[in-house]
Amino acid sequence: QVINVYDSEESTKTKICELRGHEHVVESLAFISEESFPKGASTAGRDMKHLETVRDYLASASRDRSVRLWSIANASCVGVFTAHENWVKGVVIHP
């Protein structure tokens, strides 16, 4: 299956990348970016560390019983979580 990522800021909706790897239908997507962090979040310590390390990633849940973590900048899969016994129907990112 293919996940197409588009730039929603541009009026032309330019495709940024294609993410390939799931073997069945993708049920859910969740982006994590700077906007995922609460406004006024601390810029020191733990919050800043997370902001620097998880910027611009996407998580996807699939009927292939996996969750994948993608780097949008590199258009690559950086992690696969496969311990699920059935379809994964939802994924949520929480900083």
N, C-alpha and C. Protein backbone atom coordinates (compact mmCIF):
# COMPACT_ATOMS: atom_id res chain seq x y z
N GLN A 1 0.84 -1.18 0.00
CA GLN A 1 0.00 0.00 0.00
C GLN A 1 0.88 1.25 0.00
N VAL A 2 0.35 2.32 -0.52
CA VAL A 2 1.10 3.57 -0.65
C VAL A 2 0.42 4.67 0.14
N ILE A 3 1.21 5.43 0.87
CA ILE A 3 0.73 6.64 1.53
C ILE A 3 1.34 7.81 0.77
N ASN A 4 0.50 8.67 0.20
CA ASN A 4 0.96 9.86 -0.50
C ASN A 4 0.87 11.04 0.45
N VAL A 5 1.96 11.79 0.58
CA VAL A 5 2.01 12.95 1.47
C VAL A 5 2.10 14.20 0.60
N TYR A 6 1.19 15.15 0.84
CA TYR A 6 1.14 16.38 0.07
C TYR A 6 1.39 17.59 0.96
N ASP A 7 1.90 18.65 0.38
CA ASP A 7 2.10 19.91 1.07
C ASP A 7 0.77 20.66 1.10
N SER A 8 0.16 20.76 2.26
CA SER A 8 -1.15 21.41 2.37
C SER A 8 -1.06 22.93 2.40
N GLU A 9 0.15 23.47 2.52
CA GLU A 9 0.33 24.92 2.57
C GLU A 9 0.31 25.55 1.19
N GLU A 10 0.65 24.81 0.18
CA GLU A 10 0.71 25.35 -1.17
C GLU A 10 -0.65 25.23 -1.84
N SER A 11 -0.97 26.19 -2.69
CA SER A 11 -2.24 26.14 -3.40
C SER A 11 -2.25 25.03 -4.45
N THR A 12 -1.07 24.58 -4.87
CA THR A 12 -0.98 23.52 -5.87
C THR A 12 -1.02 22.12 -5.27
N LYS A 13 -0.91 22.01 -3.95
CA LYS A 13 -0.91 20.71 -3.25
C LYS A 13 0.14 19.77 -3.83
N THR A 14 1.37 20.20 -3.83
CA THR A 14 2.49 19.43 -4.35
C THR A 14 2.73 18.17 -3.52
N LYS A 15 2.97 17.05 -4.21
CA LYS A 15 3.28 15.81 -3.51
C LYS A 15 4.70 15.91 -2.94
N ILE A 16 4.82 15.61 -1.64
CA ILE A 16 6.12 15.64 -0.98
C ILE A 16 6.82 14.30 -1.13
N CYS A 17 6.09 13.22 -0.90
CA CYS A 17 6.71 11.89 -0.98
C CYS A 17 5.66 10.80 -1.02
N GLU A 18 6.12 9.60 -1.36
CA GLU A 18 5.33 8.37 -1.28
C GLU A 18 5.98 7.47 -0.23
N LEU A 19 5.17 6.91 0.63
CA LEU A 19 5.66 6.01 1.66
C LEU A 19 5.11 4.62 1.38
N ARG A 20 6.00 3.66 1.14
CA ARG A 20 5.59 2.29 0.80
C ARG A 20 6.12 1.31 1.84
N GLY A 21 5.29 0.33 2.18
CA GLY A 21 5.75 -0.68 3.12
C GLY A 21 4.65 -1.53 3.70
N HIS A 22 3.47 -0.95 3.90
CA HIS A 22 2.37 -1.76 4.44
C HIS A 22 1.93 -2.79 3.41
N GLU A 23 1.52 -3.94 3.91
CA GLU A 23 1.11 -5.04 3.04
C GLU A 23 -0.41 -5.16 2.91
N HIS A 24 -1.14 -4.27 3.56
CA HIS A 24 -2.60 -4.30 3.50
C HIS A 24 -3.11 -2.87 3.65
N VAL A 25 -4.40 -2.70 3.69
CA VAL A 25 -5.04 -1.39 3.77
C VAL A 25 -4.54 -0.58 4.97
N VAL A 26 -4.25 0.69 4.73
CA VAL A 26 -3.87 1.61 5.81
C VAL A 26 -5.16 2.19 6.39
N GLU A 27 -5.36 2.00 7.69
CA GLU A 27 -6.59 2.41 8.36
C GLU A 27 -6.52 3.81 8.97
N SER A 28 -5.33 4.22 9.43
CA SER A 28 -5.24 5.46 10.19
C SER A 28 -3.86 6.08 10.04
N LEU A 29 -3.82 7.43 10.09
CA LEU A 29 -2.57 8.18 10.03
C LEU A 29 -2.56 9.22 11.14
N ALA A 30 -1.38 9.51 11.65
CA ALA A 30 -1.23 10.58 12.64
C ALA A 30 0.11 11.27 12.41
N PHE A 31 0.05 12.58 12.20
CA PHE A 31 1.26 13.37 12.02
C PHE A 31 1.76 13.87 13.35
N ILE A 32 3.07 14.02 13.45
CA ILE A 32 3.64 14.73 14.59
C ILE A 32 4.58 15.77 14.02
N SER A 33 4.38 16.99 14.47
CA SER A 33 5.19 18.11 14.01
C SER A 33 5.27 19.12 15.15
N GLU A 34 5.90 20.23 14.89
CA GLU A 34 6.02 21.25 15.93
C GLU A 34 4.64 21.69 16.43
N GLU A 35 3.66 21.67 15.54
CA GLU A 35 2.32 22.09 15.91
C GLU A 35 1.64 21.12 16.87
N SER A 36 2.18 19.89 16.98
CA SER A 36 1.62 18.90 17.89
C SER A 36 1.88 19.24 19.34
N PHE A 37 2.88 20.08 19.58
CA PHE A 37 3.23 20.46 20.95
C PHE A 37 2.37 21.63 21.39
N PRO A 38 1.95 21.64 22.64
CA PRO A 38 1.10 22.73 23.14
C PRO A 38 1.78 24.09 22.96
N LYS A 39 0.97 25.08 22.65
CA LYS A 39 1.50 26.44 22.54
C LYS A 39 2.08 26.86 23.88
N GLY A 40 3.23 27.47 23.84
CA GLY A 40 3.87 27.90 25.07
C GLY A 40 4.59 26.79 25.80
N ALA A 41 4.79 25.63 25.12
CA ALA A 41 5.51 24.53 25.77
C ALA A 41 6.93 24.98 26.09
N SER A 42 7.43 24.43 27.14
CA SER A 42 8.78 24.77 27.57
C SER A 42 9.79 24.51 26.45
N THR A 43 10.73 25.42 26.28
CA THR A 43 11.77 25.22 25.28
C THR A 43 13.05 24.71 25.92
N ALA A 44 12.96 24.31 27.16
CA ALA A 44 14.13 23.78 27.85
C ALA A 44 13.84 22.36 28.30
N GLY A 45 14.89 21.61 28.51
CA GLY A 45 14.74 20.27 29.07
C GLY A 45 14.03 19.30 28.15
N ARG A 46 13.19 18.49 28.73
CA ARG A 46 12.55 17.38 28.04
C ARG A 46 11.72 17.82 26.85
N ASP A 47 10.90 18.86 26.99
CA ASP A 47 10.04 19.29 25.89
C ASP A 47 10.85 19.68 24.66
N MET A 48 11.93 20.40 24.86
CA MET A 48 12.76 20.82 23.74
C MET A 48 13.42 19.61 23.09
N LYS A 49 13.85 18.65 23.89
CA LYS A 49 14.47 17.44 23.35
C LYS A 49 13.48 16.73 22.42
N HIS A 50 12.25 16.56 22.86
CA HIS A 50 11.25 15.90 22.04
C HIS A 50 10.94 16.71 20.79
N LEU A 51 10.85 18.00 20.92
CA LEU A 51 10.57 18.86 19.77
C LEU A 51 11.63 18.69 18.70
N GLU A 52 12.89 18.57 19.11
CA GLU A 52 14.00 18.45 18.16
C GLU A 52 14.05 17.06 17.53
N THR A 53 13.62 16.02 18.24
CA THR A 53 13.83 14.66 17.75
C THR A 53 12.62 14.05 17.05
N VAL A 54 11.44 14.58 17.20
CA VAL A 54 10.26 13.96 16.60
C VAL A 54 9.58 14.84 15.56
N ARG A 55 10.27 15.83 15.11
CA ARG A 55 9.70 16.77 14.14
C ARG A 55 9.41 16.09 12.80
N ASP A 56 8.23 16.32 12.30
CA ASP A 56 7.84 15.91 10.95
C ASP A 56 7.90 14.40 10.70
N TYR A 57 7.23 13.68 11.56
CA TYR A 57 7.08 12.25 11.40
C TYR A 57 5.61 11.91 11.22
N LEU A 58 5.36 10.72 10.70
CA LEU A 58 4.01 10.23 10.47
C LEU A 58 3.94 8.80 10.99
N ALA A 59 2.87 8.49 11.70
CA ALA A 59 2.61 7.12 12.13
C ALA A 59 1.43 6.59 11.32
N SER A 60 1.50 5.33 10.93
CA SER A 60 0.41 4.74 10.16
C SER A 60 0.02 3.39 10.76
N ALA A 61 -1.27 3.13 10.77
CA ALA A 61 -1.81 1.87 11.28
C ALA A 61 -2.46 1.12 10.13
N SER A 62 -2.29 -0.21 10.11
CA SER A 62 -2.74 -0.96 8.94
C SER A 62 -3.40 -2.29 9.31
N ARG A 63 -4.13 -2.81 8.34
CA ARG A 63 -4.72 -4.14 8.48
C ARG A 63 -3.66 -5.24 8.40
N ASP A 64 -2.43 -4.88 8.08
CA ASP A 64 -1.37 -5.89 8.08
C ASP A 64 -0.85 -6.15 9.50
N ARG A 65 -1.56 -5.61 10.50
CA ARG A 65 -1.28 -5.79 11.93
C ARG A 65 0.00 -5.10 12.37
N SER A 66 0.29 -3.98 11.71
CA SER A 66 1.48 -3.24 12.11
C SER A 66 1.21 -1.74 12.20
N VAL A 67 2.07 -1.08 12.96
CA VAL A 67 2.14 0.38 12.99
C VAL A 67 3.53 0.72 12.50
N ARG A 68 3.61 1.69 11.60
CA ARG A 68 4.90 2.12 11.08
C ARG A 68 5.12 3.58 11.41
N LEU A 69 6.36 3.91 11.71
CA LEU A 69 6.75 5.29 11.94
C LEU A 69 7.62 5.72 10.76
N TRP A 70 7.23 6.84 10.14
CA TRP A 70 7.87 7.31 8.92
C TRP A 70 8.54 8.65 9.14
N SER A 71 9.68 8.86 8.52
CA SER A 71 10.31 10.17 8.43
C SER A 71 9.84 10.78 7.12
N ILE A 72 9.12 11.88 7.19
CA ILE A 72 8.66 12.54 5.98
C ILE A 72 9.85 13.17 5.25
N ALA A 73 10.78 13.75 5.99
CA ALA A 73 11.95 14.40 5.38
C ALA A 73 12.77 13.43 4.55
N ASN A 74 12.89 12.17 5.02
CA ASN A 74 13.70 11.18 4.31
C ASN A 74 12.86 10.22 3.47
N ALA A 75 11.53 10.35 3.55
CA ALA A 75 10.61 9.45 2.84
C ALA A 75 10.96 7.99 3.13
N SER A 76 11.17 7.69 4.42
CA SER A 76 11.57 6.33 4.78
C SER A 76 10.91 5.87 6.07
N CYS A 77 10.80 4.57 6.20
CA CYS A 77 10.27 3.97 7.41
C CYS A 77 11.40 3.87 8.43
N VAL A 78 11.15 4.39 9.63
CA VAL A 78 12.17 4.37 10.67
C VAL A 78 11.85 3.38 11.78
N GLY A 79 10.66 2.79 11.74
CA GLY A 79 10.30 1.81 12.75
C GLY A 79 9.03 1.06 12.39
N VAL A 80 9.00 -0.23 12.71
CA VAL A 80 7.82 -1.06 12.48
C VAL A 80 7.47 -1.76 13.79
N PHE A 81 6.23 -1.65 14.19
CA PHE A 81 5.74 -2.26 15.43
C PHE A 81 4.74 -3.34 15.04
N THR A 82 5.09 -4.60 15.29
CA THR A 82 4.31 -5.72 14.74
C THR A 82 3.73 -6.66 15.79
N ALA A 83 3.62 -6.26 17.02
CA ALA A 83 3.15 -7.15 18.08
C ALA A 83 1.63 -7.24 18.16
N HIS A 84 0.93 -6.72 17.19
CA HIS A 84 -0.54 -6.72 17.22
C HIS A 84 -1.07 -8.04 16.70
N GLU A 85 -2.16 -8.52 17.31
CA GLU A 85 -2.75 -9.79 16.93
C GLU A 85 -3.81 -9.67 15.86
N ASN A 86 -4.22 -8.44 15.56
CA ASN A 86 -5.27 -8.23 14.56
C ASN A 86 -5.03 -6.89 13.88
N TRP A 87 -5.95 -6.51 13.00
CA TRP A 87 -5.85 -5.23 12.31
C TRP A 87 -5.62 -4.11 13.33
N VAL A 88 -4.84 -3.13 12.93
CA VAL A 88 -4.68 -1.93 13.74
C VAL A 88 -5.53 -0.86 13.07
N LYS A 89 -6.58 -0.43 13.77
CA LYS A 89 -7.55 0.46 13.16
C LYS A 89 -7.35 1.92 13.50
N GLY A 90 -6.44 2.22 14.42
CA GLY A 90 -6.23 3.62 14.79
C GLY A 90 -4.86 3.84 15.39
N VAL A 91 -4.36 5.05 15.21
CA VAL A 91 -3.08 5.44 15.78
C VAL A 91 -3.19 6.92 16.19
N VAL A 92 -2.65 7.24 17.36
CA VAL A 92 -2.68 8.60 17.88
C VAL A 92 -1.28 8.94 18.37
N ILE A 93 -0.83 10.14 18.08
CA ILE A 93 0.46 10.62 18.58
C ILE A 93 0.19 11.60 19.71
N HIS A 94 0.86 11.40 20.82
CA HIS A 94 0.72 12.32 21.94
C HIS A 94 2.12 12.66 22.44
N PRO A 95 2.47 13.95 22.41
CA PRO A 95 3.81 14.32 22.86
C PRO A 95 3.93 14.08 24.32
